[in-house]
C-alpha atoms as a PDB file:
ATOM      1  CA  MET A   1       0.033  -0.047   0.033  1.00  0.00           C
ATOM      2  CA  GLN A   2       1.323   3.383  -1.040  1.00  0.00           C
ATOM      3  CA  ILE A   3       0.630   6.277   1.199  1.00  0.00           C
ATOM      4  CA  GLY A   4       0.911   9.908   0.103  1.00  0.00           C
ATOM      5  CA  PHE A   5       0.998  12.580   2.621  1.00  0.00           C
ATOM      6  CA  ILE A   6       0.701  16.345   1.874  1.00  0.00           C
ATOM      7  CA  GLY A   7       1.357  18.800   4.558  1.00  0.00           C
ATOM      8  CA  VAL A   8       4.231  17.623   6.926  1.00  0.00           C
ATOM      9  CA  GLY A   9       4.516  20.509   9.098  1.00  0.00           C
ATOM     10  CA  LEU A  10       4.248  20.912  12.742  1.00  0.00           C
ATOM     11  CA  MET A  11       1.294  18.320  12.965  1.00  0.00           C
ATOM     12  CA  GLY A  12       1.869  16.365   9.739  1.00  0.00           C
ATOM     13  CA  PHE A  13       5.456  15.559  10.403  1.00  0.00           C
ATOM     14  CA  PRO A  14       5.109  13.400  13.554  1.00  0.00           C
ATOM     15  CA  MET A  15       2.087  11.626  11.944  1.00  0.00           C
ATOM     16  CA  ALA A  16       4.003  10.813   8.698  1.00  0.00           C
ATOM     17  CA  LYS A  17       7.072   9.827  10.845  1.00  0.00           C
ATOM     18  CA  ASN A  18       4.878   7.346  12.843  1.00  0.00           C
ATOM     19  CA  LEU A  19       3.436   5.869   9.621  1.00  0.00           C
ATOM     20  CA  LEU A  20       7.087   5.277   8.436  1.00  0.00           C
ATOM     21  CA  LYS A  21       8.112   3.765  11.604  1.00  0.00           C
ATOM     22  CA  SER A  22       5.220   1.249  11.335  1.00  0.00           C
ATOM     23  CA  GLY A  23       6.836   0.120   8.035  1.00  0.00           C
ATOM     24  CA  TYR A  24       4.357   1.888   5.569  1.00  0.00           C
ATOM     25  CA  GLN A  25       5.554   3.154   2.309  1.00  0.00           C
ATOM     26  CA  LEU A  26       5.307   6.878   2.308  1.00  0.00           C
ATOM     27  CA  LYS A  27       5.730   9.815  -0.355  1.00  0.00           C
ATOM     28  CA  ALA A  28       5.665  13.125   1.154  1.00  0.00           C
ATOM     29  CA  PHE A  29       5.048  16.651  -0.226  1.00  0.00           C
ATOM     30  CA  ASN A  30       5.202  20.053   1.503  1.00  0.00           C
ATOM     31  CA  ARG A  31       5.303  23.584   0.103  1.00  0.00           C
ATOM     32  CA  SER A  32       8.347  24.219   2.181  1.00  0.00           C
ATOM     33  CA  GLN A  33      10.541  21.396   0.721  1.00  0.00           C
ATOM     34  CA  ASP A  34      12.877  21.504   3.680  1.00  0.00           C
ATOM     35  CA  LYS A  35      10.190  20.268   6.093  1.00  0.00           C
ATOM     36  CA  ALA A  36       9.366  17.318   3.809  1.00  0.00           C
ATOM     37  CA  GLU A  37      13.367  16.478   3.401  1.00  0.00           C
ATOM     38  CA  ARG A  38      13.340  15.690   7.374  1.00  0.00           C
ATOM     39  CA  LEU A  39      11.416  12.484   6.665  1.00  0.00           C
ATOM     40  CA  LYS A  40      13.990  11.175   4.401  1.00  0.00           C
ATOM     41  CA  GLU A  41      15.968   9.637   7.426  1.00  0.00           C
ATOM     42  CA  PHE A  42      12.984   7.721   8.163  1.00  0.00           C
ATOM     43  CA  GLY A  43      12.563   6.221   4.879  1.00  0.00           C
ATOM     44  CA  ALA A  44      10.023   8.701   2.938  1.00  0.00           C
ATOM     45  CA  GLU A  45      10.367   9.397  -0.509  1.00  0.00           C
ATOM     46  CA  ILE A  46      10.240  13.276  -0.864  1.00  0.00           C
ATOM     47  CA  SER A  47       7.934  14.390  -3.957  1.00  0.00           C
ATOM     48  CA  VAL A  48       8.495  17.798  -5.703  1.00  0.00           C
ATOM     49  CA  SER A  49       4.885  18.111  -6.925  1.00  0.00           C
ATOM     50  CA  ILE A  50       1.372  17.250  -5.806  1.00  0.00           C
ATOM     51  CA  LYS A  51       0.864  15.220  -8.910  1.00  0.00           C
ATOM     52  CA  ASP A  52       3.886  13.002  -7.885  1.00  0.00           C
ATOM     53  CA  VAL A  53       2.467  12.304  -4.390  1.00  0.00           C
ATOM     54  CA  VAL A  54      -0.944  11.404  -5.573  1.00  0.00           C
ATOM     55  CA  THR A  55      -0.418   9.588  -8.919  1.00  0.00           C
ATOM     56  CA  ASN A  56       0.148   5.997  -7.378  1.00  0.00           C
ATOM     57  CA  SER A  57      -1.053   6.420  -4.026  1.00  0.00           C
ATOM     58  CA  ASP A  58      -3.753   4.191  -2.569  1.00  0.00           C
ATOM     59  CA  ILE A  59      -4.368   6.483   0.416  1.00  0.00           C
ATOM     60  CA  ILE A  60      -3.718  10.408   0.448  1.00  0.00           C
ATOM     61  CA  ILE A  61      -3.398  12.121   3.788  1.00  0.00           C
ATOM     62  CA  THR A  62      -3.711  15.906   3.860  1.00  0.00           C
ATOM     63  CA  MET A  63      -2.681  18.121   7.014  1.00  0.00           C
ATOM     64  CA  LEU A  64      -3.056  21.620   5.710  1.00  0.00           C
ATOM     65  CA  THR A  65      -3.375  24.851   7.726  1.00  0.00           C
ATOM     66  CA  ASP A  66      -6.613  26.222   6.511  1.00  0.00           C
ATOM     67  CA  ASP A  67      -9.224  26.671   3.810  1.00  0.00           C
ATOM     68  CA  ASN A  68      -7.147  28.470   1.538  1.00  0.00           C
ATOM     69  CA  ALA A  69      -4.526  25.646   1.590  1.00  0.00           C
ATOM     70  CA  VAL A  70      -6.876  23.020   1.078  1.00  0.00           C
ATOM     71  CA  GLU A  71      -8.339  24.617  -2.054  1.00  0.00           C
ATOM     72  CA  LYS A  72      -5.040  25.139  -3.560  1.00  0.00           C
ATOM     73  CA  VAL A  73      -4.105  21.423  -3.161  1.00  0.00           C
ATOM     74  CA  MET A  74      -7.465  19.911  -3.787  1.00  0.00           C
ATOM     75  CA  ASP A  75      -8.666  22.242  -6.678  1.00  0.00           C
ATOM     76  CA  SER A  76      -5.280  21.974  -8.477  1.00  0.00           C
ATOM     77  CA  ASP A  77      -5.301  19.997 -11.754  1.00  0.00           C
ATOM     78  CA  GLU A  78      -2.202  18.163 -10.343  1.00  0.00           C
ATOM     79  CA  PHE A  79      -4.442  16.786  -7.517  1.00  0.00           C
ATOM     80  CA  ILE A  80      -7.789  16.037  -9.006  1.00  0.00           C
ATOM     81  CA  PHE A  81      -6.772  14.916 -12.317  1.00  0.00           C
ATOM     82  CA  ASN A  82      -3.911  12.398 -11.034  1.00  0.00           C
ATOM     83  CA  ILE A  83      -5.618  10.906  -8.123  1.00  0.00           C
ATOM     84  CA  LYS A  84      -6.121   7.270  -9.010  1.00  0.00           C
ATOM     85  CA  LYS A  85      -9.475   5.708  -9.095  1.00  0.00           C
ATOM     86  CA  GLY A  86     -10.503   4.126  -5.845  1.00  0.00           C
ATOM     87  CA  ALA A  87      -8.015   5.974  -3.532  1.00  0.00           C
ATOM     88  CA  THR A  88      -8.913   7.163  -0.290  1.00  0.00           C
ATOM     89  CA  VAL A  89      -8.351  10.750   0.804  1.00  0.00           C
ATOM     90  CA  ILE A  90      -8.218  11.391   4.592  1.00  0.00           C
ATOM     91  CA  ASP A  91      -8.252  15.210   5.238  1.00  0.00           C
ATOM     92  CA  MET A  92      -7.079  16.202   8.676  1.00  0.00           C
ATOM     93  CA  SER A  93      -6.998  19.894   8.033  1.00  0.00           C
ATOM     94  CA  SER A  94      -9.502  22.315   9.857  1.00  0.00           C
ATOM     95  CA  VAL A  95     -12.005  23.410   7.200  1.00  0.00           C
ATOM     96  CA  ASN A  96     -15.241  24.859   6.758  1.00  0.00           C
ATOM     97  CA  PRO A  97     -17.934  22.099   6.289  1.00  0.00           C
ATOM     98  CA  VAL A  98     -19.059  23.395   2.943  1.00  0.00           C
ATOM     99  CA  LEU A  99     -15.629  22.915   1.744  1.00  0.00           C
ATOM    100  CA  ALA A 100     -15.314  19.456   2.765  1.00  0.00           C
ATOM    101  CA  ILE A 101     -18.605  18.561   1.129  1.00  0.00           C
ATOM    102  CA  LYS A 102     -17.536  20.167  -2.108  1.00  0.00           C
ATOM    103  CA  TYR A 103     -14.217  18.083  -2.325  1.00  0.00           C
ATOM    104  CA  SER A 104     -16.274  15.043  -1.067  1.00  0.00           C
ATOM    105  CA  LYS A 105     -18.447  15.316  -4.233  1.00  0.00           C
ATOM    106  CA  LYS A 106     -15.600  16.002  -6.631  1.00  0.00           C
ATOM    107  CA  LEU A 107     -13.597  12.709  -5.227  1.00  0.00           C
ATOM    108  CA  LYS A 108     -16.809  10.910  -5.620  1.00  0.00           C
ATOM    109  CA  GLU A 109     -16.890  11.653  -9.322  1.00  0.00           C
ATOM    110  CA  LYS A 110     -13.459  10.282  -9.528  1.00  0.00           C
ATOM    111  CA  LYS A 111     -14.640   6.997  -7.685  1.00  0.00           C
ATOM    112  CA  SER A 112     -12.494   7.941  -4.728  1.00  0.00           C
ATOM    113  CA  LYS A 113     -13.390   8.749  -1.147  1.00  0.00           C
ATOM    114  CA  LEU A 114     -12.870  11.586   1.285  1.00  0.00           C
ATOM    115  CA  PHE A 115     -12.708  11.172   4.890  1.00  0.00           C
ATOM    116  CA  ARG A 116     -12.602  13.890   7.559  1.00  0.00           C
ATOM    117  CA  CYS A 117     -10.570  13.209  10.638  1.00  0.00           C
ATOM    118  CA  SER A 118     -10.459  16.518  12.161  1.00  0.00           C
ATOM    119  CA  SER A 119     -12.703  19.091  13.430  1.00  0.00           C
ATOM    120  CA  PHE A 120     -14.501  21.415  11.201  1.00  0.00           C
ATOM    121  CA  ARG A 121     -13.898  25.137  11.468  1.00  0.00           C
ATOM    122  CA  TRP A 122     -17.213  26.565  12.207  1.00  0.00           C
ATOM    123  CA  ASN A 123     -18.006  30.278  11.448  1.00  0.00           C
ATOM    124  CA  TYR A 124     -20.345  31.796  13.845  1.00  0.00           C
ATOM    125  CA  ARG A 125     -21.358  34.989  15.529  1.00  0.00           C
ATOM    126  CA  ARG A 126     -22.345  35.503  19.263  1.00  0.00           C
END
């Protein structure tokens, strides 16, 4: 099973490291390449593009900072056109529920699945 991990910063790095320590094959991508490079010593393959990390991954985990970052990744041609049929996307970013629903529908069209593993960011007024 090939795992792709997008967003290996403060929270994503230890998660990706634990997957590697458990024996999984993992490709990592981060906008700041140096953050991804730290995973090499644990056996990660470092990807230089979103396309490279999703193309052959059975599971893609995203741990991104906010709605804007999720949009840049999941709405990019590199992501949506290259994700393999049947892949599972596990999004652990804190995002607005409307955004999660939007990408769930897009992935369903590709015969892929989106799972939410983090809290939604709710906008409300008191």
